[in-house]
Amino acid sequence: MLGKTYLTRQASLLMKFARTTSDSELSAKLISKAADLKAQADPMPDRDQGLQAPDVTSNVDPTTS
């Protein structure tokens, strides 16, 4: 699954390309795709949450080893 950061960055790039093109039809398509990506990213949490290792505590006394 793609993360919010990735989707937001892609939407931003599409908007940048839309502003630089002189083709109004292409610009409209790029803006539409950027809006789709933003709509996918909005409900996601602000930070991408990957797998995290659980906190581990050792029950072994290092002085007895």
PDB file of N, CA and C in Angstrom:
ATOM      1  N   MET A   1       0.840  -1.179   0.000  1.00  0.00           N
ATOM      2  CA  MET A   1       0.000   0.000   0.000  1.00  0.00           C
ATOM      3  C   MET A   1       0.888   1.245   0.000  1.00  0.00           C
ATOM      4  N   LEU A   2       0.506   2.214  -0.770  1.00  0.00           N
ATOM      5  CA  LEU A   2       1.263   3.450  -0.874  1.00  0.00           C
ATOM      6  C   LEU A   2       0.972   4.346   0.326  1.00  0.00           C
ATOM      7  N   GLY A   3       1.988   5.046   0.780  1.00  0.00           N
ATOM      8  CA  GLY A   3       1.843   5.909   1.944  1.00  0.00           C
ATOM      9  C   GLY A   3       1.369   7.305   1.588  1.00  0.00           C
ATOM     10  N   LYS A   4       0.943   8.012   2.613  1.00  0.00           N
ATOM     11  CA  LYS A   4       0.434   9.375   2.436  1.00  0.00           C
ATOM     12  C   LYS A   4       1.507  10.305   1.880  1.00  0.00           C
ATOM     13  N   THR A   5       2.730  10.164   2.353  1.00  0.00           N
ATOM     14  CA  THR A   5       3.822  11.011   1.880  1.00  0.00           C
ATOM     15  C   THR A   5       4.035  10.829   0.381  1.00  0.00           C
ATOM     16  N   TYR A   6       4.060   9.586  -0.066  1.00  0.00           N
ATOM     17  CA  TYR A   6       4.258   9.296  -1.489  1.00  0.00           C
ATOM     18  C   TYR A   6       3.130   9.882  -2.331  1.00  0.00           C
ATOM     19  N   LEU A   7       1.892   9.642  -1.933  1.00  0.00           N
ATOM     20  CA  LEU A   7       0.746  10.126  -2.703  1.00  0.00           C
ATOM     21  C   LEU A   7       0.720  11.652  -2.765  1.00  0.00           C
ATOM     22  N   THR A   8       1.037  12.295  -1.653  1.00  0.00           N
ATOM     23  CA  THR A   8       1.056  13.754  -1.615  1.00  0.00           C
ATOM     24  C   THR A   8       2.151  14.308  -2.523  1.00  0.00           C
ATOM     25  N   ARG A   9       3.310  13.675  -2.502  1.00  0.00           N
ATOM     26  CA  ARG A   9       4.414  14.115  -3.358  1.00  0.00           C
ATOM     27  C   ARG A   9       4.049  13.958  -4.837  1.00  0.00           C
ATOM     28  N   GLN A  10       3.416  12.847  -5.190  1.00  0.00           N
ATOM     29  CA  GLN A  10       3.015  12.630  -6.579  1.00  0.00           C
ATOM     30  C   GLN A  10       1.974  13.661  -7.017  1.00  0.00           C
ATOM     31  N   ALA A  11       1.020  13.955  -6.152  1.00  0.00           N
ATOM     32  CA  ALA A  11       0.000  14.959  -6.477  1.00  0.00           C
ATOM     33  C   ALA A  11       0.645  16.325  -6.684  1.00  0.00           C
ATOM     34  N   SER A  12       1.613  16.649  -5.853  1.00  0.00           N
ATOM     35  CA  SER A  12       2.315  17.923  -5.982  1.00  0.00           C
ATOM     36  C   SER A  12       3.067  18.014  -7.309  1.00  0.00           C
ATOM     37  N   LEU A  13       3.718  16.936  -7.702  1.00  0.00           N
ATOM     38  CA  LEU A  13       4.437  16.922  -8.978  1.00  0.00           C
ATOM     39  C   LEU A  13       3.482  17.064 -10.159  1.00  0.00           C
ATOM     40  N   LEU A  14       2.336  16.404 -10.084  1.00  0.00           N
ATOM     41  CA  LEU A  14       1.357  16.528 -11.165  1.00  0.00           C
ATOM     42  C   LEU A  14       0.855  17.961 -11.289  1.00  0.00           C
ATOM     43  N   MET A  15       0.637  18.620 -10.162  1.00  0.00           N
ATOM     44  CA  MET A  15       0.204  20.018 -10.200  1.00  0.00           C
ATOM     45  C   MET A  15       1.290  20.912 -10.808  1.00  0.00           C
ATOM     46  N   LYS A  16       2.527  20.623 -10.474  1.00  0.00           N
ATOM     47  CA  LYS A  16       3.644  21.387 -11.027  1.00  0.00           C
ATOM     48  C   LYS A  16       3.696  21.227 -12.552  1.00  0.00           C
ATOM     49  N   PHE A  17       3.552  19.993 -13.019  1.00  0.00           N
ATOM     50  CA  PHE A  17       3.553  19.743 -14.464  1.00  0.00           C
ATOM     51  C   PHE A  17       2.358  20.412 -15.132  1.00  0.00           C
ATOM     52  N   ALA A  18       1.207  20.396 -14.458  1.00  0.00           N
ATOM     53  CA  ALA A  18      -0.003  21.010 -15.026  1.00  0.00           C
ATOM     54  C   ALA A  18       0.189  22.511 -15.228  1.00  0.00           C
ATOM     55  N   ARG A  19       0.903  23.159 -14.312  1.00  0.00           N
ATOM     56  CA  ARG A  19       1.150  24.600 -14.438  1.00  0.00           C
ATOM     57  C   ARG A  19       2.134  24.930 -15.553  1.00  0.00           C
ATOM     58  N   THR A  20       3.027  23.991 -15.880  1.00  0.00           N
ATOM     59  CA  THR A  20       4.064  24.286 -16.868  1.00  0.00           C
ATOM     60  C   THR A  20       3.653  23.977 -18.301  1.00  0.00           C
ATOM     61  N   THR A  21       2.606  23.184 -18.498  1.00  0.00           N
ATOM     62  CA  THR A  21       2.212  22.818 -19.858  1.00  0.00           C
ATOM     63  C   THR A  21       1.304  23.883 -20.473  1.00  0.00           C
ATOM     64  N   SER A  22       1.403  24.016 -21.784  1.00  0.00           N
ATOM     65  CA  SER A  22       0.526  24.962 -22.494  1.00  0.00           C
ATOM     66  C   SER A  22      -0.703  24.254 -23.064  1.00  0.00           C
ATOM     67  N   ASP A  23      -0.746  22.930 -22.934  1.00  0.00           N
ATOM     68  CA  ASP A  23      -1.877  22.135 -23.425  1.00  0.00           C
ATOM     69  C   ASP A  23      -2.951  22.092 -22.330  1.00  0.00           C
ATOM     70  N   SER A  24      -4.054  22.795 -22.555  1.00  0.00           N
ATOM     71  CA  SER A  24      -5.090  22.896 -21.521  1.00  0.00           C
ATOM     72  C   SER A  24      -5.763  21.553 -21.240  1.00  0.00           C
ATOM     73  N   GLU A  25      -5.876  20.695 -22.242  1.00  0.00           N
ATOM     74  CA  GLU A  25      -6.488  19.375 -22.032  1.00  0.00           C
ATOM     75  C   GLU A  25      -5.591  18.511 -21.145  1.00  0.00           C
ATOM     76  N   LEU A  26      -4.305  18.513 -21.425  1.00  0.00           N
ATOM     77  CA  LEU A  26      -3.356  17.765 -20.598  1.00  0.00           C
ATOM     78  C   LEU A  26      -3.331  18.322 -19.177  1.00  0.00           C
ATOM     79  N   SER A  27      -3.339  19.631 -19.062  1.00  0.00           N
ATOM     80  CA  SER A  27      -3.340  20.269 -17.750  1.00  0.00           C
ATOM     81  C   SER A  27      -4.553  19.836 -16.930  1.00  0.00           C
ATOM     82  N   ALA A  28      -5.718  19.801 -17.551  1.00  0.00           N
ATOM     83  CA  ALA A  28      -6.941  19.388 -16.854  1.00  0.00           C
ATOM     84  C   ALA A  28      -6.849  17.937 -16.391  1.00  0.00           C
ATOM     85  N   LYS A  29      -6.277  17.071 -17.214  1.00  0.00           N
ATOM     86  CA  LYS A  29      -6.132  15.656 -16.838  1.00  0.00           C
ATOM     87  C   LYS A  29      -5.151  15.496 -15.677  1.00  0.00           C
ATOM     88  N   LEU A  30      -4.064  16.252 -15.719  1.00  0.00           N
ATOM     89  CA  LEU A  30      -3.084  16.184 -14.632  1.00  0.00           C
ATOM     90  C   LEU A  30      -3.677  16.678 -13.318  1.00  0.00           C
ATOM     91  N   ILE A  31      -4.444  17.754 -13.379  1.00  0.00           N
ATOM     92  CA  ILE A  31      -5.093  18.287 -12.177  1.00  0.00           C
ATOM     93  C   ILE A  31      -6.108  17.288 -11.630  1.00  0.00           C
ATOM     94  N   SER A  32      -6.840  16.635 -12.519  1.00  0.00           N
ATOM     95  CA  SER A  32      -7.816  15.629 -12.099  1.00  0.00           C
ATOM     96  C   SER A  32      -7.126  14.456 -11.400  1.00  0.00           C
ATOM     97  N   LYS A  33      -6.023  13.993 -11.958  1.00  0.00           N
ATOM     98  CA  LYS A  33      -5.283  12.883 -11.350  1.00  0.00           C
ATOM     99  C   LYS A  33      -4.695  13.302 -10.004  1.00  0.00           C
ATOM    100  N   ALA A  34      -4.209  14.543  -9.917  1.00  0.00           N
ATOM    101  CA  ALA A  34      -3.679  15.049  -8.648  1.00  0.00           C
ATOM    102  C   ALA A  34      -4.771  15.072  -7.582  1.00  0.00           C
ATOM    103  N   ALA A  35      -5.972  15.463  -7.969  1.00  0.00           N
ATOM    104  CA  ALA A  35      -7.102  15.480  -7.027  1.00  0.00           C
ATOM    105  C   ALA A  35      -7.438  14.065  -6.567  1.00  0.00           C
ATOM    106  N   ASP A  36      -7.371  13.097  -7.479  1.00  0.00           N
ATOM    107  CA  ASP A  36      -7.620  11.698  -7.114  1.00  0.00           C
ATOM    108  C   ASP A  36      -6.588  11.212  -6.088  1.00  0.00           C
ATOM    109  N   LEU A  37      -5.319  11.533  -6.338  1.00  0.00           N
ATOM    110  CA  LEU A  37      -4.267  11.116  -5.406  1.00  0.00           C
ATOM    111  C   LEU A  37      -4.445  11.769  -4.041  1.00  0.00           C
ATOM    112  N   LYS A  38      -4.807  13.040  -4.032  1.00  0.00           N
ATOM    113  CA  LYS A  38      -5.031  13.746  -2.762  1.00  0.00           C
ATOM    114  C   LYS A  38      -6.207  13.133  -2.007  1.00  0.00           C
ATOM    115  N   ALA A  39      -7.252  12.753  -2.739  1.00  0.00           N
ATOM    116  CA  ALA A  39      -8.409  12.117  -2.101  1.00  0.00           C
ATOM    117  C   ALA A  39      -8.026  10.778  -1.477  1.00  0.00           C
ATOM    118  N   GLN A  40      -7.093  10.070  -2.086  1.00  0.00           N
ATOM    119  CA  GLN A  40      -6.619   8.805  -1.512  1.00  0.00           C
ATOM    120  C   GLN A  40      -5.771   9.061  -0.267  1.00  0.00           C
ATOM    121  N   ALA A  41      -4.982  10.135  -0.297  1.00  0.00           N
ATOM    122  CA  ALA A  41      -4.051  10.414   0.800  1.00  0.00           C
ATOM    123  C   ALA A  41      -4.740  11.014   2.020  1.00  0.00           C
ATOM    124  N   ASP A  42      -5.794  11.797   1.819  1.00  0.00           N
ATOM    125  CA  ASP A  42      -6.431  12.525   2.926  1.00  0.00           C
ATOM    126  C   ASP A  42      -6.870  11.644   4.098  1.00  0.00           C
ATOM    127  N   PRO A  43      -7.514  10.495   3.876  1.00  0.00           N
ATOM    128  CA  PRO A  43      -7.955   9.717   5.043  1.00  0.00           C
ATOM    129  C   PRO A  43      -6.830   8.972   5.764  1.00  0.00           C
ATOM    130  N   MET A  44      -5.637   8.976   5.213  1.00  0.00           N
ATOM    131  CA  MET A  44      -4.520   8.249   5.829  1.00  0.00           C
ATOM    132  C   MET A  44      -3.951   9.041   7.000  1.00  0.00           C
ATOM    133  N   PRO A  45      -3.300   8.344   7.942  1.00  0.00           N
ATOM    134  CA  PRO A  45      -2.649   9.050   9.049  1.00  0.00           C
ATOM    135  C   PRO A  45      -1.533   9.945   8.517  1.00  0.00           C
ATOM    136  N   ASP A  46      -1.212  11.006   9.261  1.00  0.00           N
ATOM    137  CA  ASP A  46      -0.197  11.960   8.813  1.00  0.00           C
ATOM    138  C   ASP A  46       1.169  11.323   8.615  1.00  0.00           C
ATOM    139  N   ARG A  47       1.538  10.426   9.468  1.00  0.00           N
ATOM    140  CA  ARG A  47       2.830   9.750   9.335  1.00  0.00           C
ATOM    141  C   ARG A  47       2.608   8.350   8.817  1.00  0.00           C
ATOM    142  N   ASP A  48       3.458   7.938   7.881  1.00  0.00           N
ATOM    143  CA  ASP A  48       3.409   6.559   7.416  1.00  0.00           C
ATOM    144  C   ASP A  48       3.852   5.669   8.572  1.00  0.00           C
ATOM    145  N   GLN A  49       3.045   4.678   8.888  1.00  0.00           N
ATOM    146  CA  GLN A  49       3.354   3.817  10.015  1.00  0.00           C
ATOM    147  C   GLN A  49       3.814   2.469   9.491  1.00  0.00           C
ATOM    148  N   GLY A  50       5.084   2.209   9.650  1.00  0.00           N
ATOM    149  CA  GLY A  50       5.644   0.934   9.236  1.00  0.00           C
ATOM    150  C   GLY A  50       5.637  -0.030  10.405  1.00  0.00           C
ATOM    151  N   LEU A  51       6.173  -1.188  10.159  1.00  0.00           N
ATOM    152  CA  LEU A  51       6.276  -2.166  11.232  1.00  0.00           C
ATOM    153  C   LEU A  51       7.347  -1.717  12.209  1.00  0.00           C
ATOM    154  N   GLN A  52       7.057  -1.821  13.478  1.00  0.00           N
ATOM    155  CA  GLN A  52       8.016  -1.444  14.502  1.00  0.00           C
ATOM    156  C   GLN A  52       8.276  -2.645  15.388  1.00  0.00           C
ATOM    157  N   ALA A  53       9.521  -2.802  15.758  1.00  0.00           N
ATOM    158  CA  ALA A  53       9.875  -3.895  16.649  1.00  0.00           C
ATOM    159  C   ALA A  53       9.301  -3.618  18.033  1.00  0.00           C
ATOM    160  N   PRO A  54       8.834  -4.646  18.710  1.00  0.00           N
ATOM    161  CA  PRO A  54       8.319  -4.438  20.069  1.00  0.00           C
ATOM    162  C   PRO A  54       9.475  -4.130  21.021  1.00  0.00           C
ATOM    163  N   ASP A  55       9.144  -3.457  22.105  1.00  0.00           N
ATOM    164  CA  ASP A  55      10.158  -3.214  23.128  1.00  0.00           C
ATOM    165  C   ASP A  55      10.522  -4.552  23.757  1.00  0.00           C
ATOM    166  N   VAL A  56      11.799  -4.801  23.873  1.00  0.00           N
ATOM    167  CA  VAL A  56      12.267  -6.075  24.407  1.00  0.00           C
ATOM    168  C   VAL A  56      13.073  -5.801  25.668  1.00  0.00           C
ATOM    169  N   THR A  57      12.744  -6.527  26.705  1.00  0.00           N
ATOM    170  CA  THR A  57      13.532  -6.430  27.931  1.00  0.00           C
ATOM    171  C   THR A  57      14.138  -7.793  28.197  1.00  0.00           C
ATOM    172  N   SER A  58      15.342  -7.779  28.662  1.00  0.00           N
ATOM    173  CA  SER A  58      16.040  -9.024  28.929  1.00  0.00           C
ATOM    174  C   SER A  58      15.859  -9.395  30.399  1.00  0.00           C
ATOM    175  N   ASN A  59      15.532 -10.650  30.637  1.00  0.00           N
ATOM    176  CA  ASN A  59      15.390 -11.146  32.004  1.00  0.00           C
ATOM    177  C   ASN A  59      16.676 -11.806  32.484  1.00  0.00           C
ATOM    178  N   VAL A  60      17.722 -11.720  31.681  1.00  0.00           N
ATOM    179  CA  VAL A  60      18.988 -12.353  32.026  1.00  0.00           C
ATOM    180  C   VAL A  60      19.883 -11.326  32.704  1.00  0.00           C
ATOM    181  N   ASP A  61      20.464 -11.715  33.809  1.00  0.00           N
ATOM    182  CA  ASP A  61      21.391 -10.841  34.526  1.00  0.00           C
ATOM    183  C   ASP A  61      22.750 -10.931  33.845  1.00  0.00           C
ATOM    184  N   PRO A  62      23.253  -9.832  33.269  1.00  0.00           N
ATOM    185  CA  PRO A  62      24.515  -9.891  32.535  1.00  0.00           C
ATOM    186  C   PRO A  62      25.723 -10.205  33.421  1.00  0.00           C
ATOM    187  N   THR A  63      25.602 -10.033  34.727  1.00  0.00           N
ATOM    188  CA  THR A  63      26.738 -10.307  35.613  1.00  0.00           C
ATOM    189  C   THR A  63      26.898 -11.794  35.889  1.00  0.00           C
ATOM    190  N   THR A  64      25.893 -12.614  35.595  1.00  0.00           N
ATOM    191  CA  THR A  64      25.977 -14.045  35.874  1.00  0.00           C
ATOM    192  C   THR A  64      26.382 -14.850  34.654  1.00  0.00           C
ATOM    193  N   SER A  65      26.570 -14.215  33.534  1.00  0.00           N
ATOM    194  CA  SER A  65      26.911 -14.955  32.309  1.00  0.00           C
ATOM    195  C   SER A  65      28.364 -15.281  32.238  1.00  0.00           C
TER     196      SER A  65
END
